[in-house]
Every structure is written in structure tokens, then in C-alpha cells.
Amino acid sequence: MRRRLYYMLPNVKAARAELDELLLARIEERHIHFMAKEGTLPDDMPDCNFLLRTDLIHGAKLGIAIGGIVGLCAGIFLVIFPPEGLTLRTMTILLVTLGGALFGGWASGMNAAAVPNKKLEQYAERIEQGQVLMMVDVPVRRMKEIEEMIAKRHPDFNFGGEEPPMLAFP
């Protein structure tokens, strides 16, 4: 299990130095992401991907939940009040619930893909000023170690907080 830590770095040069330090601390590059003003981040540094920049994941989860609930209600309604001439079984409830969850996840995910990530909005102004946001996913057992390493070597880096733990099955 990993936790995401956020740091605001003063510039791209400091971000490059921190990337090297994290790699030496055996944090894999795929767990480190940087977000900077458009066109300032070099190609060899790990940039934020589409999933991090948008609200796609959150929107899809919300759509699955709402679509599943609506599908469940629709399935129960169909079984209680079937169309004339049909006898619907309990399997109908399951199929309509699954269909509702899939449709809800797809539709909500498509809408959320056009919305910037709400967690990153608080950093937008400083990113426009030339600072760099670093997001690093750290194993829970090494969080304290990494936080102390960064604080000791770079007291000028602003700790932007950490993401709360996410449950595997909410």
C-alpha cells in the first residue's frame, strides 16, 4: 500500500535534484510525478499523466456507484411489475444492476475526463508562477523516512500534504 505525498519545489532544477535523490532512495520512477508550467519540464522527467491531471477516476467511481443503485432499483421494479406476457427472474435484478453500473461509470467518466483534478487546484497558482509540484507515491512503511530525508536536505521545499489512504473495497 502506498500513500501519495505532495511537495512544491521552487523550480525545475530543484525538481531534477529531488528526482535523483528519490531514485537513489530506491523509489521507482513510475511512482514519481511532476507537474509544472506548460513546456518547462524536460522530456526525461516523469510528467503527470492524463489520469492524474483529470477527475476521470473519481468520476468513474461515482458513476459506478450511482449507476449501480439506479440499476438495482430498476431491476427490482422490473421484477415486481414485469411487462405483460413476461416472467422475469431474480437474475434480471443482477443484470440490470450490472448494466446500470457499467453505463454510469462510462458516462460519468467521460464527463469527468474534461474536468481538472480538484485535488490539484490548490497548487495551480504556484505552478503558474514557475514552481513545480512533485507527487511521490511512497510505501507506508517508508513515509517517515522519505519525509525526513526531504526535510533535512531541502528545508525550502514546501510540504503540500498527503493523500488519505484509499480502501481497496469501499
C-alpha atoms as a PDB file:
ATOM      1  CA  MET A   1       0.000   0.000   0.000  1.00  0.00           C
ATOM      2  CA  ARG A   2       1.296   3.434  -0.935  1.00  0.00           C
ATOM      3  CA  ARG A   3       0.492   6.974   0.131  1.00  0.00           C
ATOM      4  CA  ARG A   4       0.905   9.990  -2.128  1.00  0.00           C
ATOM      5  CA  LEU A   5       2.967  12.897  -0.804  1.00  0.00           C
ATOM      6  CA  TYR A   6       2.793  16.366  -2.376  1.00  0.00           C
ATOM      7  CA  TYR A   7       5.702  18.839  -2.401  1.00  0.00           C
ATOM      8  CA  MET A   8       6.022  22.264  -4.014  1.00  0.00           C
ATOM      9  CA  LEU A   9       9.545  22.699  -5.378  1.00  0.00           C
ATOM     10  CA  PRO A  10      10.960  26.132  -6.225  1.00  0.00           C
ATOM     11  CA  ASN A  11      11.998  25.361  -9.830  1.00  0.00           C
ATOM     12  CA  VAL A  12      12.770  22.669 -12.393  1.00  0.00           C
ATOM     13  CA  LYS A  13      16.430  22.450 -11.317  1.00  0.00           C
ATOM     14  CA  ALA A  14      15.361  21.587  -7.760  1.00  0.00           C
ATOM     15  CA  ALA A  15      12.871  19.071  -9.153  1.00  0.00           C
ATOM     16  CA  ARG A  16      15.665  17.372 -11.129  1.00  0.00           C
ATOM     17  CA  ALA A  17      17.836  17.155  -7.993  1.00  0.00           C
ATOM     18  CA  GLU A  18      14.963  15.705  -5.957  1.00  0.00           C
ATOM     19  CA  LEU A  19      14.195  13.153  -8.657  1.00  0.00           C
ATOM     20  CA  ASP A  20      17.789  11.930  -8.480  1.00  0.00           C
ATOM     21  CA  GLU A  21      17.650  11.739  -4.673  1.00  0.00           C
ATOM     22  CA  LEU A  22      14.414   9.763  -4.713  1.00  0.00           C
ATOM     23  CA  LEU A  23      15.813   7.360  -7.277  1.00  0.00           C
ATOM     24  CA  LEU A  24      18.857   6.849  -5.052  1.00  0.00           C
ATOM     25  CA  ALA A  25      16.469   6.209  -2.143  1.00  0.00           C
ATOM     26  CA  ARG A  26      15.026   3.374  -4.274  1.00  0.00           C
ATOM     27  CA  ILE A  27      11.709   4.985  -5.140  1.00  0.00           C
ATOM     28  CA  GLU A  28      10.877   3.820  -8.652  1.00  0.00           C
ATOM     29  CA  GLU A  29      10.420   6.464 -11.340  1.00  0.00           C
ATOM     30  CA  ARG A  30       6.905   5.232 -12.080  1.00  0.00           C
ATOM     31  CA  HIS A  31       5.898   6.382  -8.569  1.00  0.00           C
ATOM     32  CA  ILE A  32       7.201   9.938  -9.038  1.00  0.00           C
ATOM     33  CA  HIS A  33       5.251  12.581 -10.962  1.00  0.00           C
ATOM     34  CA  PHE A  34       5.921  16.250 -11.630  1.00  0.00           C
ATOM     35  CA  MET A  35       3.532  18.971 -12.710  1.00  0.00           C
ATOM     36  CA  ALA A  36       4.958  22.251 -13.981  1.00  0.00           C
ATOM     37  CA  LYS A  37       4.029  25.155 -16.183  1.00  0.00           C
ATOM     38  CA  GLU A  38       3.396  24.022 -19.752  1.00  0.00           C
ATOM     39  CA  GLY A  39       6.646  23.492 -21.668  1.00  0.00           C
ATOM     40  CA  THR A  40       9.073  23.913 -18.749  1.00  0.00           C
ATOM     41  CA  LEU A  41       9.517  20.287 -17.720  1.00  0.00           C
ATOM     42  CA  PRO A  42      12.202  18.364 -19.671  1.00  0.00           C
ATOM     43  CA  ASP A  43      11.128  15.250 -21.566  1.00  0.00           C
ATOM     44  CA  ASP A  44      13.231  12.903 -19.420  1.00  0.00           C
ATOM     45  CA  MET A  45      11.376  13.799 -16.201  1.00  0.00           C
ATOM     46  CA  PRO A  46       8.170  11.903 -15.321  1.00  0.00           C
ATOM     47  CA  ASP A  47       5.226  14.185 -16.044  1.00  0.00           C
ATOM     48  CA  CYS A  48       1.671  13.843 -14.710  1.00  0.00           C
ATOM     49  CA  ASN A  49      -0.405  11.587 -16.890  1.00  0.00           C
ATOM     50  CA  PHE A  50      -3.990  12.088 -18.012  1.00  0.00           C
ATOM     51  CA  LEU A  51      -5.414  10.176 -15.040  1.00  0.00           C
ATOM     52  CA  LEU A  52      -3.630  12.461 -12.559  1.00  0.00           C
ATOM     53  CA  ARG A  53      -4.498  15.704 -14.346  1.00  0.00           C
ATOM     54  CA  THR A  54      -8.234  14.987 -14.673  1.00  0.00           C
ATOM     55  CA  ASP A  55     -11.023  13.801 -12.401  1.00  0.00           C
ATOM     56  CA  LEU A  56     -11.594  10.670 -14.511  1.00  0.00           C
ATOM     57  CA  ILE A  57     -11.047   8.105 -11.746  1.00  0.00           C
ATOM     58  CA  HIS A  58     -13.233   9.915  -9.208  1.00  0.00           C
ATOM     59  CA  GLY A  59     -15.971  10.471 -11.781  1.00  0.00           C
ATOM     60  CA  ALA A  60     -15.984   6.845 -12.905  1.00  0.00           C
ATOM     61  CA  LYS A  61     -16.191   5.583  -9.306  1.00  0.00           C
ATOM     62  CA  LEU A  62     -19.071   7.917  -8.571  1.00  0.00           C
ATOM     63  CA  GLY A  63     -20.837   6.885 -11.788  1.00  0.00           C
ATOM     64  CA  ILE A  64     -20.468   3.186 -10.997  1.00  0.00           C
ATOM     65  CA  ALA A  65     -21.984   3.700  -7.551  1.00  0.00           C
ATOM     66  CA  ILE A  66     -24.897   5.820  -8.737  1.00  0.00           C
ATOM     67  CA  GLY A  67     -25.489   3.688 -11.844  1.00  0.00           C
ATOM     68  CA  GLY A  68     -25.470   0.527  -9.735  1.00  0.00           C
ATOM     69  CA  ILE A  69     -28.046   1.936  -7.315  1.00  0.00           C
ATOM     70  CA  VAL A  70     -30.306   3.131 -10.139  1.00  0.00           C
ATOM     71  CA  GLY A  71     -29.879  -0.209 -11.937  1.00  0.00           C
ATOM     72  CA  LEU A  72     -30.754  -2.106  -8.760  1.00  0.00           C
ATOM     73  CA  CYS A  73     -33.921  -0.053  -8.296  1.00  0.00           C
ATOM     74  CA  ALA A  74     -34.860  -0.502 -11.967  1.00  0.00           C
ATOM     75  CA  GLY A  75     -34.223  -4.260 -11.743  1.00  0.00           C
ATOM     76  CA  ILE A  76     -36.389  -4.637  -8.662  1.00  0.00           C
ATOM     77  CA  PHE A  77     -39.124  -2.575 -10.330  1.00  0.00           C
ATOM     78  CA  LEU A  78     -38.985  -4.822 -13.432  1.00  0.00           C
ATOM     79  CA  VAL A  79     -39.274  -7.996 -11.368  1.00  0.00           C
ATOM     80  CA  ILE A  80     -42.161  -6.669  -9.259  1.00  0.00           C
ATOM     81  CA  PHE A  81     -44.006  -5.160 -12.249  1.00  0.00           C
ATOM     82  CA  PRO A  82     -42.942  -7.227 -15.277  1.00  0.00           C
ATOM     83  CA  PRO A  83     -44.086  -6.287 -18.787  1.00  0.00           C
ATOM     84  CA  GLU A  84     -47.242  -8.133 -19.840  1.00  0.00           C
ATOM     85  CA  GLY A  85     -46.566 -11.667 -21.007  1.00  0.00           C
ATOM     86  CA  LEU A  86     -43.061 -11.958 -19.473  1.00  0.00           C
ATOM     87  CA  THR A  87     -41.926 -13.629 -16.291  1.00  0.00           C
ATOM     88  CA  LEU A  88     -38.681 -12.113 -15.071  1.00  0.00           C
ATOM     89  CA  ARG A  89     -36.445 -13.878 -12.606  1.00  0.00           C
ATOM     90  CA  THR A  90     -34.119 -12.635  -9.917  1.00  0.00           C
ATOM     91  CA  MET A  91     -31.250 -12.748 -12.427  1.00  0.00           C
ATOM     92  CA  THR A  92     -32.862  -9.710 -14.062  1.00  0.00           C
ATOM     93  CA  ILE A  93     -32.022  -7.628 -10.993  1.00  0.00           C
ATOM     94  CA  LEU A  94     -28.367  -8.609 -11.216  1.00  0.00           C
ATOM     95  CA  LEU A  95     -28.112  -7.950 -14.949  1.00  0.00           C
ATOM     96  CA  VAL A  96     -29.864  -4.575 -14.812  1.00  0.00           C
ATOM     97  CA  THR A  97     -27.716  -3.550 -11.805  1.00  0.00           C
ATOM     98  CA  LEU A  98     -24.558  -4.507 -13.670  1.00  0.00           C
ATOM     99  CA  GLY A  99     -25.723  -2.678 -16.791  1.00  0.00           C
ATOM    100  CA  GLY A 100     -26.532   0.433 -14.765  1.00  0.00           C
ATOM    101  CA  ALA A 101     -23.123   0.373 -13.065  1.00  0.00           C
ATOM    102  CA  LEU A 102     -21.292  -0.025 -16.378  1.00  0.00           C
ATOM    103  CA  PHE A 103     -23.281   2.711 -18.089  1.00  0.00           C
ATOM    104  CA  GLY A 104     -22.967   5.030 -15.078  1.00  0.00           C
ATOM    105  CA  GLY A 105     -19.204   4.522 -14.879  1.00  0.00           C
ATOM    106  CA  TRP A 106     -18.756   5.132 -18.594  1.00  0.00           C
ATOM    107  CA  ALA A 107     -20.996   8.214 -18.780  1.00  0.00           C
ATOM    108  CA  SER A 108     -19.681   9.821 -15.612  1.00  0.00           C
ATOM    109  CA  GLY A 109     -16.074   9.001 -16.544  1.00  0.00           C
ATOM    110  CA  MET A 110     -16.484  10.669 -19.933  1.00  0.00           C
ATOM    111  CA  ASN A 111     -17.774  13.840 -18.280  1.00  0.00           C
ATOM    112  CA  ALA A 112     -15.113  13.829 -15.573  1.00  0.00           C
ATOM    113  CA  ALA A 113     -12.310  13.446 -18.143  1.00  0.00           C
ATOM    114  CA  ALA A 114     -12.921  17.068 -19.153  1.00  0.00           C
ATOM    115  CA  VAL A 115     -12.643  18.375 -15.573  1.00  0.00           C
ATOM    116  CA  PRO A 116      -9.243  19.181 -13.987  1.00  0.00           C
ATOM    117  CA  ASN A 117      -8.339  17.225 -10.855  1.00  0.00           C
ATOM    118  CA  LYS A 118      -9.845  19.035  -7.874  1.00  0.00           C
ATOM    119  CA  LYS A 119      -7.009  17.922  -5.572  1.00  0.00           C
ATOM    120  CA  LEU A 120      -4.502  19.805  -7.715  1.00  0.00           C
ATOM    121  CA  GLU A 121      -6.444  23.093  -7.965  1.00  0.00           C
ATOM    122  CA  GLN A 122      -4.820  24.446  -4.793  1.00  0.00           C
ATOM    123  CA  TYR A 123      -1.391  24.266  -6.471  1.00  0.00           C
ATOM    124  CA  ALA A 124      -2.372  25.866  -9.800  1.00  0.00           C
ATOM    125  CA  GLU A 125      -1.389  29.441  -8.921  1.00  0.00           C
ATOM    126  CA  ARG A 126       2.090  28.482  -7.702  1.00  0.00           C
ATOM    127  CA  ILE A 127       2.630  26.265 -10.748  1.00  0.00           C
ATOM    128  CA  GLU A 128       1.829  29.245 -12.995  1.00  0.00           C
ATOM    129  CA  GLN A 129       4.455  31.261 -11.077  1.00  0.00           C
ATOM    130  CA  GLY A 130       7.121  28.717 -12.091  1.00  0.00           C
ATOM    131  CA  GLN A 131       7.151  26.315  -9.157  1.00  0.00           C
ATOM    132  CA  VAL A 132       6.946  22.561  -9.680  1.00  0.00           C
ATOM    133  CA  LEU A 133       4.541  20.174  -7.947  1.00  0.00           C
ATOM    134  CA  MET A 134       6.053  16.805  -7.084  1.00  0.00           C
ATOM    135  CA  MET A 135       3.799  13.870  -6.282  1.00  0.00           C
ATOM    136  CA  VAL A 136       5.536  10.792  -4.964  1.00  0.00           C
ATOM    137  CA  ASP A 137       3.841   7.524  -4.062  1.00  0.00           C
ATOM    138  CA  VAL A 138       5.695   6.077  -1.093  1.00  0.00           C
ATOM    139  CA  PRO A 139       5.191   2.760   0.712  1.00  0.00           C
ATOM    140  CA  VAL A 140       3.507   3.431   4.050  1.00  0.00           C
ATOM    141  CA  ARG A 141       6.398   1.876   5.983  1.00  0.00           C
ATOM    142  CA  ARG A 142       8.865   4.341   4.366  1.00  0.00           C
ATOM    143  CA  MET A 143       6.788   7.522   4.596  1.00  0.00           C
ATOM    144  CA  LYS A 144       8.521   8.931   7.652  1.00  0.00           C
ATOM    145  CA  GLU A 145      11.958   8.106   6.222  1.00  0.00           C
ATOM    146  CA  ILE A 146      11.267   9.875   2.908  1.00  0.00           C
ATOM    147  CA  GLU A 147       9.640  12.891   4.579  1.00  0.00           C
ATOM    148  CA  GLU A 148      12.635  13.297   6.906  1.00  0.00           C
ATOM    149  CA  MET A 149      15.116  12.871   4.043  1.00  0.00           C
ATOM    150  CA  ILE A 150      13.444  15.614   2.003  1.00  0.00           C
ATOM    151  CA  ALA A 151      13.034  17.949   5.009  1.00  0.00           C
ATOM    152  CA  LYS A 152      16.692  17.505   6.040  1.00  0.00           C
ATOM    153  CA  ARG A 153      18.211  18.010   2.594  1.00  0.00           C
ATOM    154  CA  HIS A 154      15.781  20.663   1.344  1.00  0.00           C
ATOM    155  CA  PRO A 155      14.177  22.738   4.091  1.00  0.00           C
ATOM    156  CA  ASP A 156      12.987  25.221   1.430  1.00  0.00           C
ATOM    157  CA  PHE A 157      10.617  22.655  -0.137  1.00  0.00           C
ATOM    158  CA  ASN A 158       7.011  23.192   0.887  1.00  0.00           C
ATOM    159  CA  PHE A 159       5.240  20.070   2.080  1.00  0.00           C
ATOM    160  CA  GLY A 160       1.862  20.150   0.352  1.00  0.00           C
ATOM    161  CA  GLY A 161       0.270  17.338   2.337  1.00  0.00           C
ATOM    162  CA  GLU A 162      -0.541  13.723   1.767  1.00  0.00           C
ATOM    163  CA  GLU A 163      -3.455  11.929   0.262  1.00  0.00           C
ATOM    164  CA  PRO A 164      -5.586   9.977   2.733  1.00  0.00           C
ATOM    165  CA  PRO A 165      -5.400   6.198   2.403  1.00  0.00           C
ATOM    166  CA  MET A 166      -7.743   4.704  -0.125  1.00  0.00           C
ATOM    167  CA  LEU A 167      -9.557   1.494   0.735  1.00  0.00           C
ATOM    168  CA  ALA A 168      -9.328  -1.342  -1.730  1.00  0.00           C
ATOM    169  CA  PHE A 169     -13.037  -2.095  -1.334  1.00  0.00           C
ATOM    170  CA  PRO A 170     -15.019   0.944  -0.136  1.00  0.00           C
END
